[in-house]
Amino acid sequence: MKRVRREVEVRLSPEGVPVAYRDRGRWREIEAVVDCWFEVLPWWPGREAEMAGGRFAEALEVAMYRVLLEGGGLVELERCPARGGEARWRLYRVYD
């Protein structure tokens, strides 16, 4: 298991579930969402510096998705609300 924490682009189904993501110019199709849960981020000062240069500093609750990729592979995607209501996504963890 490797923690990545890299920003990615995500395509969603009409229901709002991730169906694919693009990382480093390559689209990866998602076969299934294995699990979904919410985590509350620490709110204390200084924490935002750890969260991608402060871009996610406004987020207090994030949605985590553990997904199975077509062709194999298991990863976690993190959805953070951002200013203006638009979500930002990160590839959070890759399982070996």
C-alpha atoms as a PDB file:
ATOM      1  CA  MET A   1       0.000   0.000   0.000  1.00  0.00           C
ATOM      2  CA  LYS A   2       1.328   3.417  -0.971  1.00  0.00           C
ATOM      3  CA  ARG A   3      -0.086   6.831  -0.059  1.00  0.00           C
ATOM      4  CA  VAL A   4      -0.065   9.080  -3.137  1.00  0.00           C
ATOM      5  CA  ARG A   5      -2.187  12.215  -2.462  1.00  0.00           C
ATOM      6  CA  ARG A   6      -2.038  13.530  -6.039  1.00  0.00           C
ATOM      7  CA  GLU A   7      -4.791  15.645  -7.616  1.00  0.00           C
ATOM      8  CA  VAL A   8      -6.758  13.854 -10.372  1.00  0.00           C
ATOM      9  CA  GLU A   9      -9.726  14.519 -12.648  1.00  0.00           C
ATOM     10  CA  VAL A  10     -12.773  12.290 -12.019  1.00  0.00           C
ATOM     11  CA  ARG A  11     -15.754  11.418 -14.221  1.00  0.00           C
ATOM     12  CA  LEU A  12     -18.967  10.750 -12.317  1.00  0.00           C
ATOM     13  CA  SER A  13     -22.084   8.729 -13.100  1.00  0.00           C
ATOM     14  CA  PRO A  14     -25.443  10.555 -13.111  1.00  0.00           C
ATOM     15  CA  GLU A  15     -25.793   9.384  -9.485  1.00  0.00           C
ATOM     16  CA  GLY A  16     -22.523  11.110  -8.530  1.00  0.00           C
ATOM     17  CA  VAL A  17     -20.421   7.943  -8.197  1.00  0.00           C
ATOM     18  CA  PRO A  18     -16.895   7.892  -9.691  1.00  0.00           C
ATOM     19  CA  VAL A  19     -16.678   5.839 -12.906  1.00  0.00           C
ATOM     20  CA  ALA A  20     -13.185   6.845 -14.109  1.00  0.00           C
ATOM     21  CA  TYR A  21     -10.257   9.060 -13.169  1.00  0.00           C
ATOM     22  CA  ARG A  22      -7.370  10.646 -15.050  1.00  0.00           C
ATOM     23  CA  ASP A  23      -3.917  10.628 -13.514  1.00  0.00           C
ATOM     24  CA  ARG A  24      -0.835  11.888 -15.360  1.00  0.00           C
ATOM     25  CA  GLY A  25      -2.794  12.107 -18.623  1.00  0.00           C
ATOM     26  CA  ARG A  26      -4.133   8.529 -18.508  1.00  0.00           C
ATOM     27  CA  TRP A  27      -7.787   7.610 -17.889  1.00  0.00           C
ATOM     28  CA  ARG A  28      -8.466   4.592 -15.659  1.00  0.00           C
ATOM     29  CA  GLU A  29     -11.945   3.053 -15.745  1.00  0.00           C
ATOM     30  CA  ILE A  30     -13.528   2.014 -12.449  1.00  0.00           C
ATOM     31  CA  GLU A  31     -15.160  -1.419 -12.372  1.00  0.00           C
ATOM     32  CA  ALA A  32     -16.783  -1.097  -8.937  1.00  0.00           C
ATOM     33  CA  VAL A  33     -16.916   1.025  -5.811  1.00  0.00           C
ATOM     34  CA  VAL A  34     -15.864  -1.378  -3.049  1.00  0.00           C
ATOM     35  CA  ASP A  35     -16.458   0.984  -0.126  1.00  0.00           C
ATOM     36  CA  CYS A  36     -17.344   4.613   0.592  1.00  0.00           C
ATOM     37  CA  TRP A  37     -17.013   6.538   3.865  1.00  0.00           C
ATOM     38  CA  PHE A  38     -16.560  10.052   5.214  1.00  0.00           C
ATOM     39  CA  GLU A  39     -13.653  11.435   7.226  1.00  0.00           C
ATOM     40  CA  VAL A  40     -13.471  14.700   9.125  1.00  0.00           C
ATOM     41  CA  LEU A  41     -10.237  16.603   8.578  1.00  0.00           C
ATOM     42  CA  PRO A  42      -8.486  18.298  11.496  1.00  0.00           C
ATOM     43  CA  TRP A  43      -9.339  21.989  11.536  1.00  0.00           C
ATOM     44  CA  TRP A  44      -6.492  23.422  13.595  1.00  0.00           C
ATOM     45  CA  PRO A  45      -4.126  26.086  12.184  1.00  0.00           C
ATOM     46  CA  GLY A  46      -1.201  24.824  10.116  1.00  0.00           C
ATOM     47  CA  ARG A  47      -2.983  21.697   8.911  1.00  0.00           C
ATOM     48  CA  GLU A  48      -3.901  23.330   5.587  1.00  0.00           C
ATOM     49  CA  ALA A  49      -0.204  23.445   4.632  1.00  0.00           C
ATOM     50  CA  GLU A  50      -0.251  19.636   4.549  1.00  0.00           C
ATOM     51  CA  MET A  51      -3.310  19.533   2.295  1.00  0.00           C
ATOM     52  CA  ALA A  52      -1.955  20.225  -1.197  1.00  0.00           C
ATOM     53  CA  GLY A  53      -0.706  23.730  -0.588  1.00  0.00           C
ATOM     54  CA  GLY A  54      -3.831  24.893   1.168  1.00  0.00           C
ATOM     55  CA  ARG A  55      -6.234  24.215  -1.704  1.00  0.00           C
ATOM     56  CA  PHE A  56      -8.318  21.973   0.548  1.00  0.00           C
ATOM     57  CA  ALA A  57      -8.108  24.193   3.617  1.00  0.00           C
ATOM     58  CA  GLU A  58     -11.850  24.911   3.566  1.00  0.00           C
ATOM     59  CA  ALA A  59     -12.781  21.202   3.657  1.00  0.00           C
ATOM     60  CA  LEU A  60     -13.843  19.733   6.970  1.00  0.00           C
ATOM     61  CA  GLU A  61     -15.449  16.530   5.718  1.00  0.00           C
ATOM     62  CA  VAL A  62     -14.161  14.465   2.804  1.00  0.00           C
ATOM     63  CA  ALA A  63     -15.670  11.474   1.018  1.00  0.00           C
ATOM     64  CA  MET A  64     -13.365   8.507   0.512  1.00  0.00           C
ATOM     65  CA  TYR A  65     -13.971   5.910  -2.203  1.00  0.00           C
ATOM     66  CA  ARG A  66     -12.150   2.575  -2.394  1.00  0.00           C
ATOM     67  CA  VAL A  67     -12.522   1.440  -6.000  1.00  0.00           C
ATOM     68  CA  LEU A  68     -11.641  -1.598  -8.091  1.00  0.00           C
ATOM     69  CA  LEU A  69     -10.145  -0.702 -11.468  1.00  0.00           C
ATOM     70  CA  GLU A  70     -10.909  -2.437 -14.746  1.00  0.00           C
ATOM     71  CA  GLY A  71      -8.016  -4.728 -15.528  1.00  0.00           C
ATOM     72  CA  GLY A  72      -7.098  -5.014 -11.844  1.00  0.00           C
ATOM     73  CA  GLY A  73      -5.911  -2.700  -9.147  1.00  0.00           C
ATOM     74  CA  LEU A  74      -7.390  -1.187  -6.015  1.00  0.00           C
ATOM     75  CA  VAL A  75      -7.117   2.513  -5.175  1.00  0.00           C
ATOM     76  CA  GLU A  76      -8.694   5.112  -2.910  1.00  0.00           C
ATOM     77  CA  LEU A  77     -10.016   8.415  -4.228  1.00  0.00           C
ATOM     78  CA  GLU A  78     -10.634  11.414  -1.975  1.00  0.00           C
ATOM     79  CA  ARG A  79     -13.335  14.010  -2.739  1.00  0.00           C
ATOM     80  CA  CYS A  80     -12.858  17.355  -0.988  1.00  0.00           C
ATOM     81  CA  PRO A  81     -15.385  20.164  -1.200  1.00  0.00           C
ATOM     82  CA  ALA A  82     -13.755  23.410  -2.302  1.00  0.00           C
ATOM     83  CA  ARG A  83     -14.665  27.072  -2.557  1.00  0.00           C
ATOM     84  CA  GLY A  84     -17.624  27.711  -4.829  1.00  0.00           C
ATOM     85  CA  GLY A  85     -19.038  24.243  -4.210  1.00  0.00           C
ATOM     86  CA  GLU A  86     -16.860  22.505  -6.803  1.00  0.00           C
ATOM     87  CA  ALA A  87     -15.229  19.330  -5.525  1.00  0.00           C
ATOM     88  CA  ARG A  88     -11.551  18.536  -5.883  1.00  0.00           C
ATOM     89  CA  TRP A  89     -10.363  14.952  -6.172  1.00  0.00           C
ATOM     90  CA  ARG A  90      -7.117  13.247  -5.221  1.00  0.00           C
ATOM     91  CA  LEU A  91      -5.735   9.794  -5.792  1.00  0.00           C
ATOM     92  CA  TYR A  92      -5.155   9.091  -2.135  1.00  0.00           C
ATOM     93  CA  ARG A  93      -3.834   5.541  -1.860  1.00  0.00           C
ATOM     94  CA  VAL A  94      -2.743   2.728  -4.195  1.00  0.00           C
ATOM     95  CA  TYR A  95      -2.825  -0.879  -2.993  1.00  0.00           C
ATOM     96  CA  ASP A  96      -0.146  -3.257  -4.258  1.00  0.00           C
END
